[in-house]
Protein backbone atom coordinates (compact mmCIF):
# COMPACT_ATOMS: atom_id res chain seq x y z
CA UNK A 1 0.00 0.00 0.00
CA UNK A 2 1.12 3.56 -0.58
CA UNK A 3 1.78 5.97 2.27
CA UNK A 4 0.80 9.60 1.80
CA UNK A 5 1.91 11.32 5.02
CA UNK A 6 3.93 10.40 8.09
CA UNK A 7 4.32 12.11 11.46
CA UNK A 8 8.00 12.29 12.43
CA UNK A 9 8.50 12.83 16.16
CA UNK A 10 11.65 14.70 17.21
CA UNK A 11 10.69 16.02 20.60
CA UNK A 12 14.01 17.05 22.11
CA UNK A 13 15.70 18.71 19.14
CA UNK A 14 14.45 20.39 16.01
CA UNK A 15 15.65 19.61 12.48
CA UNK A 16 15.85 23.40 12.09
CA UNK A 17 18.33 23.73 14.97
CA UNK A 18 22.04 24.31 14.41
CA UNK A 19 23.90 20.96 14.63
CA UNK A 20 26.72 21.04 17.14
CA UNK A 21 24.93 23.26 19.67
CA UNK A 22 23.03 22.10 22.74
CA UNK A 23 21.50 18.72 22.00
CA UNK A 24 21.68 19.25 18.25
CA UNK A 25 23.91 16.87 16.35
CA UNK A 26 23.73 14.06 13.83
CA UNK A 27 20.09 13.41 14.66
CA UNK A 28 19.14 16.92 13.48
CA UNK A 29 20.88 16.20 10.19
CA UNK A 30 19.21 12.80 9.96
CA UNK A 31 15.67 14.04 10.57
CA UNK A 32 15.96 17.02 8.25
CA UNK A 33 17.68 15.17 5.40
CA UNK A 34 15.39 12.16 5.64
CA UNK A 35 12.20 14.26 5.75
CA UNK A 36 13.39 16.21 2.73
CA UNK A 37 14.25 13.06 0.78
CA UNK A 38 10.93 11.42 1.67
CA UNK A 39 8.99 14.52 0.59
CA UNK A 40 10.80 14.46 -2.75
CA UNK A 41 9.94 10.75 -3.04
CA UNK A 42 6.24 11.54 -2.62
CA UNK A 43 5.77 10.92 1.13
CA UNK A 44 4.73 14.10 2.94
CA UNK A 45 6.43 14.61 6.31
CA UNK A 46 5.21 16.57 9.29
CA UNK A 47 8.00 16.81 11.88
CA UNK A 48 6.72 17.44 15.41
CA UNK A 49 9.21 19.11 17.76
CA UNK A 50 8.87 21.02 21.02
CA UNK A 51 8.42 24.79 20.79
CA UNK A 52 11.21 26.34 22.86
CA UNK A 53 11.40 29.95 21.68
CA UNK A 54 8.70 32.62 21.74
CA UNK A 55 9.29 33.66 18.15
CA UNK A 56 8.87 30.19 16.65
CA UNK A 57 5.84 30.00 14.34
CA UNK A 58 3.36 27.20 14.73
CA UNK A 59 4.26 25.72 11.33
CA UNK A 60 7.36 26.13 9.18
CA UNK A 61 7.06 25.00 5.57
CA UNK A 62 10.61 23.85 4.86
CA UNK A 63 9.86 22.73 1.31
CA UNK A 64 6.90 21.20 -0.53
CA UNK A 65 5.75 18.16 1.43
CA UNK A 66 7.99 18.85 4.45
CA UNK A 67 6.76 20.89 7.43
CA UNK A 68 8.03 21.41 10.95
CA UNK A 69 5.30 21.80 13.58
CA UNK A 70 6.26 23.43 16.88
CA UNK A 71 4.32 21.74 19.67
CA UNK A 72 3.36 23.52 22.90
CA UNK A 73 4.68 21.32 25.72
CA UNK A 74 6.09 23.09 28.73
CA UNK A 75 7.63 26.56 28.63
CA UNK A 76 8.69 28.17 25.38
CA UNK A 77 12.27 28.12 26.59
CA UNK A 78 15.06 25.55 26.21
CA UNK A 79 14.67 22.73 28.73
CA UNK A 80 17.60 20.48 29.70
CA UNK A 81 17.30 17.05 28.14
CA UNK A 82 17.29 15.33 31.53
CA UNK A 83 14.12 17.28 32.42
CA UNK A 84 12.24 16.45 29.21
CA UNK A 85 10.70 13.13 30.37
CA UNK A 86 8.30 15.21 32.47
CA UNK A 87 7.05 16.85 29.27
CA UNK A 88 6.32 13.62 27.36
CA UNK A 89 2.67 13.53 28.43
CA UNK A 90 1.87 17.14 27.45
CA UNK A 91 3.79 16.63 24.20
CA UNK A 92 1.64 13.56 23.45
CA UNK A 93 -1.57 15.48 24.11
CA UNK A 94 -0.56 18.49 22.04
CA UNK A 95 0.76 16.37 19.17
CA UNK A 96 -2.39 14.24 19.06
CA UNK A 97 -4.51 17.37 18.88
CA UNK A 98 -2.39 18.69 16.01
CA UNK A 99 -2.50 15.36 14.15
CA UNK A 100 -6.27 15.07 14.52
CA UNK A 101 -6.93 18.61 13.34
CA UNK A 102 -4.74 18.23 10.25
CA UNK A 103 -4.93 15.73 7.41
CA UNK A 104 -4.57 12.15 8.67
CA UNK A 105 -1.16 10.49 8.86
CA UNK A 106 -0.40 6.87 8.01
CA UNK A 107 2.68 6.15 10.14
CA UNK A 108 4.35 7.48 13.31
CA UNK A 109 8.16 7.63 13.24
CA UNK A 110 9.84 8.36 16.58
CA UNK A 111 13.48 9.44 16.78
CA UNK A 112 15.43 8.89 20.02
CA UNK A 113 13.98 7.31 23.15
CA UNK A 114 11.99 10.39 24.20
CA UNK A 115 10.19 10.59 20.86
CA UNK A 116 9.84 6.82 20.93
CA UNK A 117 7.89 7.21 24.18
CA UNK A 118 5.70 9.85 22.54
CA UNK A 119 5.12 7.75 19.42
CA UNK A 120 4.33 4.67 21.54
CA UNK A 121 1.52 6.48 23.35
CA UNK A 122 0.22 8.01 20.12
CA UNK A 123 0.19 4.57 18.51
CA UNK A 124 -2.37 3.38 21.05
CA UNK A 125 -4.39 6.58 20.93
CA UNK A 126 -4.54 6.78 17.13
CA UNK A 127 -4.20 3.10 16.15
CA UNK A 128 -1.25 3.80 13.85
CA UNK A 129 1.92 1.81 13.15
CA UNK A 130 5.02 2.84 15.09
CA UNK A 131 8.51 3.09 13.57
CA UNK A 132 11.40 3.72 15.97
CA UNK A 133 14.92 4.97 15.29
CA UNK A 134 16.88 5.19 18.56
CA UNK A 135 20.13 6.83 17.34
CA UNK A 136 21.74 5.90 20.68
CA UNK A 137 20.83 3.24 23.24
CA UNK A 138 21.28 3.54 27.00
CA UNK A 139 22.75 0.06 27.39
CA UNK A 140 25.25 0.59 24.58
CA UNK A 141 26.41 3.82 26.23
CA UNK A 142 26.71 1.98 29.53
CA UNK A 143 28.91 -0.68 27.93
CA UNK A 144 31.12 2.12 26.54
CA UNK A 145 31.53 3.54 30.03
CA UNK A 146 29.78 6.84 29.33
CA UNK A 147 26.38 6.08 30.81
CA UNK A 148 24.73 9.23 32.12
CA UNK A 149 21.15 8.13 31.66
CA UNK A 150 18.63 6.85 34.16
CA UNK A 151 17.03 3.45 34.55
CA UNK A 152 13.87 5.18 33.39
CA UNK A 153 15.35 5.58 29.90
CA UNK A 154 16.29 1.89 29.71
CA UNK A 155 12.79 0.87 30.79
CA UNK A 156 11.17 3.16 28.22
CA UNK A 157 13.44 1.82 25.47
CA UNK A 158 12.34 -1.71 26.38
CA UNK A 159 8.66 -0.68 26.22
CA UNK A 160 9.02 1.01 22.83
CA UNK A 161 11.03 -1.90 21.40
CA UNK A 162 8.43 -4.43 22.57
CA UNK A 163 5.61 -2.57 20.81
CA UNK A 164 7.33 -1.06 17.76
CA UNK A 165 6.01 -2.32 14.44
CA UNK A 166 9.37 -1.55 12.87
CA UNK A 167 12.77 -0.57 14.25
CA UNK A 168 15.41 1.00 12.04
CA UNK A 169 19.06 0.20 12.70
CA UNK A 170 21.82 2.08 10.93
CA UNK A 171 24.12 -0.95 10.84
CA UNK A 172 24.06 -4.70 11.34
CA UNK A 173 25.86 -4.13 14.66
CA UNK A 174 23.02 -1.95 15.92
CA UNK A 175 20.53 -4.61 14.86
CA UNK A 176 22.45 -7.15 16.93
CA UNK A 177 22.56 -4.77 19.91
CA UNK A 178 18.80 -4.27 19.81
CA UNK A 179 18.29 -8.02 19.85
CA UNK A 180 20.93 -8.97 22.40
CA UNK A 181 20.53 -6.09 24.86
CA UNK A 182 16.76 -5.52 24.57
CA UNK A 183 15.35 -8.82 23.27
CA UNK A 184 14.04 -7.06 20.16
CA UNK A 185 12.39 -9.28 17.56
CA UNK A 186 14.81 -9.56 14.64
CA UNK A 187 11.99 -9.77 12.09
CA UNK A 188 10.92 -6.26 13.12
CA UNK A 189 14.36 -4.68 12.69
CA UNK A 190 15.53 -3.41 9.31
CA UNK A 191 19.04 -2.11 8.62
CA UNK A 192 18.55 1.20 6.82
CA UNK A 193 21.72 3.33 6.80
CA UNK A 194 21.54 7.12 6.73
CA UNK A 195 22.85 8.92 3.67
CA UNK A 196 25.03 11.83 2.65
CA UNK A 197 24.25 14.71 0.31
CA UNK A 198 26.79 14.32 -2.48
CA UNK A 199 25.76 17.69 -3.91
CA UNK A 200 27.26 19.28 -0.78
CA UNK A 201 29.92 16.82 0.36
CA UNK A 202 32.35 16.05 -2.44
CA UNK A 203 36.14 16.32 -2.93
CA UNK A 204 37.62 19.76 -3.60
CA UNK A 205 40.81 21.76 -3.53
CA UNK A 206 42.38 21.58 -0.06
CA UNK A 207 44.37 24.79 -0.39
CA UNK A 208 41.37 26.76 -1.61
CA UNK A 209 39.26 25.41 1.27
CA UNK A 210 41.90 26.46 3.82
CA UNK A 211 42.10 29.89 2.25
CA UNK A 212 38.32 30.31 2.50
CA UNK A 213 38.44 29.28 6.14
CA UNK A 214 41.47 31.41 6.99
CA UNK A 215 43.52 28.41 8.13
CA UNK A 216 47.23 29.04 7.64
CA UNK A 217 49.00 25.81 8.62
CA UNK A 218 51.02 23.23 6.66
CA UNK A 219 49.06 20.31 8.15
CA UNK A 220 45.55 20.10 9.60
CA UNK A 221 43.80 17.53 11.77
CA UNK A 222 40.01 17.92 12.13
CA UNK A 223 37.55 17.00 14.88
CA UNK A 224 33.85 17.73 14.30
CA UNK A 225 31.34 17.05 17.05
CA UNK A 226 29.61 18.21 20.18
CA UNK A 227 31.89 18.73 23.16
CA UNK A 228 30.76 15.96 25.45
CA UNK A 229 32.56 12.98 26.89
CA UNK A 230 30.93 10.56 24.43
CA UNK A 231 32.61 12.19 21.41
CA UNK A 232 36.16 12.09 22.77
CA UNK A 233 37.54 15.55 21.98
CA UNK A 234 40.03 15.01 24.80
CA UNK A 235 41.50 12.03 22.95
CA UNK A 236 41.93 14.17 19.82
CA UNK A 237 43.94 16.64 21.94
CA UNK A 238 46.05 13.85 23.44
CA UNK A 239 46.74 12.45 19.96
CA UNK A 240 47.86 15.91 18.84
CA UNK A 241 50.31 16.05 21.73
CA UNK A 242 51.58 12.55 20.97
CA UNK A 243 52.32 13.56 17.37
CA UNK A 244 54.70 16.29 18.60
CA UNK A 245 54.45 18.20 15.31
CA UNK A 246 54.59 22.01 15.76
CA UNK A 247 53.41 22.54 12.17
CA UNK A 248 50.18 20.60 12.75
CA UNK A 249 46.99 22.38 13.78
CA UNK A 250 43.96 20.64 15.28
CA UNK A 251 40.68 22.32 14.32
CA UNK A 252 37.79 21.46 16.66
CA UNK A 253 34.36 22.38 15.29
CA UNK A 254 31.54 22.13 17.82
CA UNK A 255 30.08 23.42 21.04
CA UNK A 256 29.33 22.05 24.51
CA UNK A 257 26.38 19.69 24.74
CA UNK A 258 24.32 18.41 27.64
CA UNK A 259 24.44 19.36 31.30
CA UNK A 260 28.11 18.33 31.53
CA UNK A 261 29.10 19.98 28.24
CA UNK A 262 30.48 23.26 29.64
CA UNK A 263 32.54 21.38 32.22
CA UNK A 264 33.85 19.02 29.54
CA UNK A 265 34.84 21.93 27.32
CA UNK A 266 36.67 23.54 30.23
CA UNK A 267 38.41 20.23 30.96
CA UNK A 268 39.57 19.80 27.35
CA UNK A 269 40.90 23.37 27.26
CA UNK A 270 42.81 22.72 30.49
CA UNK A 271 44.16 19.48 29.08
CA UNK A 272 45.49 21.28 26.01
CA UNK A 273 47.27 23.79 28.25
CA UNK A 274 48.69 21.01 30.41
CA UNK A 275 50.02 19.13 27.36
CA UNK A 276 51.47 22.28 25.82
CA UNK A 277 49.40 22.15 22.61
CA UNK A 278 46.82 24.89 23.26
CA UNK A 279 48.55 27.11 20.68
CA UNK A 280 48.04 24.43 18.01
CA UNK A 281 44.28 24.18 18.48
CA UNK A 282 41.70 26.32 16.71
CA UNK A 283 38.31 26.21 18.38
CA UNK A 284 35.48 26.88 15.93
CA UNK A 285 31.90 27.41 17.01
CA UNK A 286 29.25 25.18 15.38
CA UNK A 287 28.78 25.85 11.69
CA UNK A 288 25.82 25.37 9.37
CA UNK A 289 25.82 21.83 8.10
CA UNK A 290 26.71 22.69 4.51
CA UNK A 291 29.63 24.84 5.72
CA UNK A 292 31.28 21.75 7.19
CA UNK A 293 32.19 20.56 3.70
CA UNK A 294 35.00 23.13 3.50
CA UNK A 295 36.38 21.97 6.86
CA UNK A 296 36.46 18.37 5.66
CA UNK A 297 38.14 19.40 2.40
CA UNK A 298 40.68 21.53 4.24
CA UNK A 299 41.78 18.70 6.54
CA UNK A 300 44.55 16.19 5.90
CA UNK A 301 42.89 13.78 8.33
CA UNK A 302 39.58 13.70 10.20
CA UNK A 303 39.71 12.09 13.64
CA UNK A 304 36.57 10.49 15.15
CA UNK A 305 37.52 9.10 18.59
CA UNK A 306 33.98 8.48 19.92
CA UNK A 307 33.36 6.11 22.81
CA UNK A 308 30.32 4.81 20.93
CA UNK A 309 28.68 5.72 17.63
CA UNK A 310 25.52 4.17 16.23
CA UNK A 311 26.51 5.28 12.72
CA UNK A 312 28.99 8.15 12.36
CA UNK A 313 27.76 10.83 9.96
CA UNK A 314 30.93 12.89 10.47
CA UNK A 315 33.05 10.01 9.21
CA UNK A 316 30.79 9.54 6.19
CA UNK A 317 30.76 13.24 5.30
CA UNK A 318 34.55 13.46 5.61
CA UNK A 319 34.91 10.39 3.39
CA UNK A 320 32.56 11.90 0.79
CA UNK A 321 34.88 14.92 0.70
CA UNK A 322 37.87 12.65 0.02
CA UNK A 323 39.42 13.03 3.48
CA UNK A 324 40.76 9.87 5.17
CA UNK A 325 39.38 9.16 8.64
CA UNK A 326 41.08 7.77 11.73
CA UNK A 327 38.30 6.57 14.02
CA UNK A 328 37.46 4.43 17.00
CA UNK A 329 36.61 0.86 16.10
CA UNK A 330 33.13 1.12 17.60
CA UNK A 331 29.55 0.85 16.37
CA UNK A 332 28.76 2.08 12.89
CA UNK A 333 32.29 3.37 12.31
CA UNK A 334 33.37 -0.23 11.74
CA UNK A 335 30.94 -0.45 8.83
CA UNK A 336 31.80 2.92 7.33
CA UNK A 337 35.59 2.65 7.29
CA UNK A 338 37.46 0.00 5.34
CA UNK A 339 40.52 -0.35 7.58
CA UNK A 340 43.73 0.26 5.67
CA UNK A 341 41.85 1.23 2.50
CA UNK A 342 39.67 4.28 3.20
CA UNK A 343 41.00 5.09 6.66
CA UNK A 344 42.09 3.49 9.90
CA UNK A 345 40.16 1.99 12.80
CA UNK A 346 41.72 2.12 16.26
CA UNK A 347 41.02 -0.33 19.07
CA UNK A 348 41.19 1.07 22.58
CA UNK A 349 41.77 4.60 23.86
CA UNK A 350 45.57 4.98 23.78
CA UNK A 351 46.46 8.36 22.20
CA UNK A 352 49.62 6.84 20.67
CA UNK A 353 47.45 4.35 18.77
CA UNK A 354 45.62 7.28 17.17
CA UNK A 355 48.75 9.32 16.59
CA UNK A 356 50.46 6.51 14.66
CA UNK A 357 47.98 6.28 11.72
CA UNK A 358 47.47 10.06 11.70
CA UNK A 359 51.24 10.51 11.45
CA UNK A 360 51.44 7.91 8.70
CA UNK A 361 48.85 9.77 6.63
CA UNK A 362 50.52 13.13 7.24
CA UNK A 363 53.92 11.84 6.15
CA UNK A 364 52.84 9.79 3.13
CA UNK A 365 51.00 11.97 0.61
CA UNK A 366 50.47 9.12 -1.84
CA UNK A 367 48.88 6.90 0.81
CA UNK A 368 46.66 9.76 1.98
CA UNK A 369 45.60 10.50 -1.60
CA UNK A 370 44.80 6.86 -2.34
CA UNK A 371 42.81 6.52 0.87
CA UNK A 372 40.94 9.74 0.14
CA UNK A 373 39.96 8.46 -3.30
CA UNK A 374 38.86 5.13 -1.81
CA UNK A 375 36.89 6.91 0.93
CA UNK A 376 35.05 9.10 -1.57
CA UNK A 377 34.23 6.11 -3.77
CA UNK A 378 32.95 4.14 -0.78
CA UNK A 379 30.68 6.98 0.27
CA UNK A 380 28.73 6.56 -2.94
CA UNK A 381 27.01 3.57 -1.33
CA UNK A 382 25.11 6.01 0.86
CA UNK A 383 22.55 8.56 -0.28
CA UNK A 384 19.42 10.00 1.26
CA UNK A 385 17.41 9.24 -1.87
CA UNK A 386 18.22 5.53 -1.50
CA UNK A 387 17.34 5.66 2.19
CA UNK A 388 14.02 7.35 1.44
CA UNK A 389 13.14 4.89 -1.32
CA UNK A 390 13.75 1.98 1.02
CA UNK A 391 11.70 3.56 3.81
CA UNK A 392 8.83 4.35 1.49
CA UNK A 393 8.51 0.61 0.74
CA UNK A 394 8.82 -0.32 4.41
CA UNK A 395 6.17 2.20 5.45
CA UNK A 396 3.86 0.77 2.79
CA UNK A 397 4.36 -2.75 4.12
CA UNK A 398 3.48 -1.57 7.63
CA UNK A 399 0.11 -0.07 6.78
CA UNK A 400 -0.87 -3.26 4.97
CA UNK A 401 -0.54 -5.50 8.03
CA UNK A 402 -1.85 -5.64 11.59
CA UNK A 403 -0.25 -3.69 14.42
CA UNK A 404 2.04 -5.20 17.02
CA UNK A 405 0.36 -5.10 20.42
CA UNK A 406 1.98 -4.67 23.82
CA UNK A 407 2.10 -7.81 25.95
């Protein structure tokens, strides 16, 4: 059956928000790019997100078939993510009212555990199929040693997983995690990777990119991500120190995220001073998503030292720009990077183990060039249009069969 309109739930962060600030990151990119691609594929998308500023209009028409609806739930001010569970119930009520007063939707698609909780309740109120994309999982974060979430989150994830009609995993590893850590039914999990916009992220002239960005350094290492413990900016700084190369600059693009973000940023700054590399680091505030392409092109190497990563959009975007990636051998990064061909995967958290492949790429221009070409070619396997086409078929299958019911 064909699907005409879906309701995409993104309660805690808006697809219109600047990635790299607050709680905005790869999920913002995912929701916005996917909604756009689905709209262009003929599936209209209404994205429901919490209104958190007084000037936000009720509806923003992003493009034909893609709207963002600002839902009144709690104060029209930013609310810390840890306080948002208290607003799930009012968000459900307000979203249901908006859905009922507009044209009917065929499918509910919740992103992250908070929106999964919203979509789960709406499923039972509206008798609609539920699709869940978790982006991160509490138990995976706990295994990585960066658990800062409550037992409540784990319980909610279990409830959503038990009742979801379809779960989307970015990689086969994530599919396995859903099954092994949450007893998810494998026949209700589909591996549907995110994509990359090849009209924005493509190889270009490194020197010209550096000139546009005002970066005057012979060699450049790049870190892109929110400043929070999960993303490992401290390890990027330690790797810089281990390289002991005064002509190398580390560019860090991103801002503090979460309640511990400011403290983490202060800690990383102090670490750089302690290691004597503060003068080799350029801190760049979050940039519009399309502006990141020049940073990827300008870099000799992109470093992604995350503790855990369900997919790794930064690594994919860097690869699409022809920049080799040195990344942690965790989660989706293992699927994205062909070790020794398009980049390097690093086991463990030893800065020397990151510095070694970075140094190899910096000292061997031919190897770096070959890896960059391989990385760019490999990125062609991922596009938002392919993701949307696959989801359109999966949505259609859902509306043609009976709903999963909670035990």
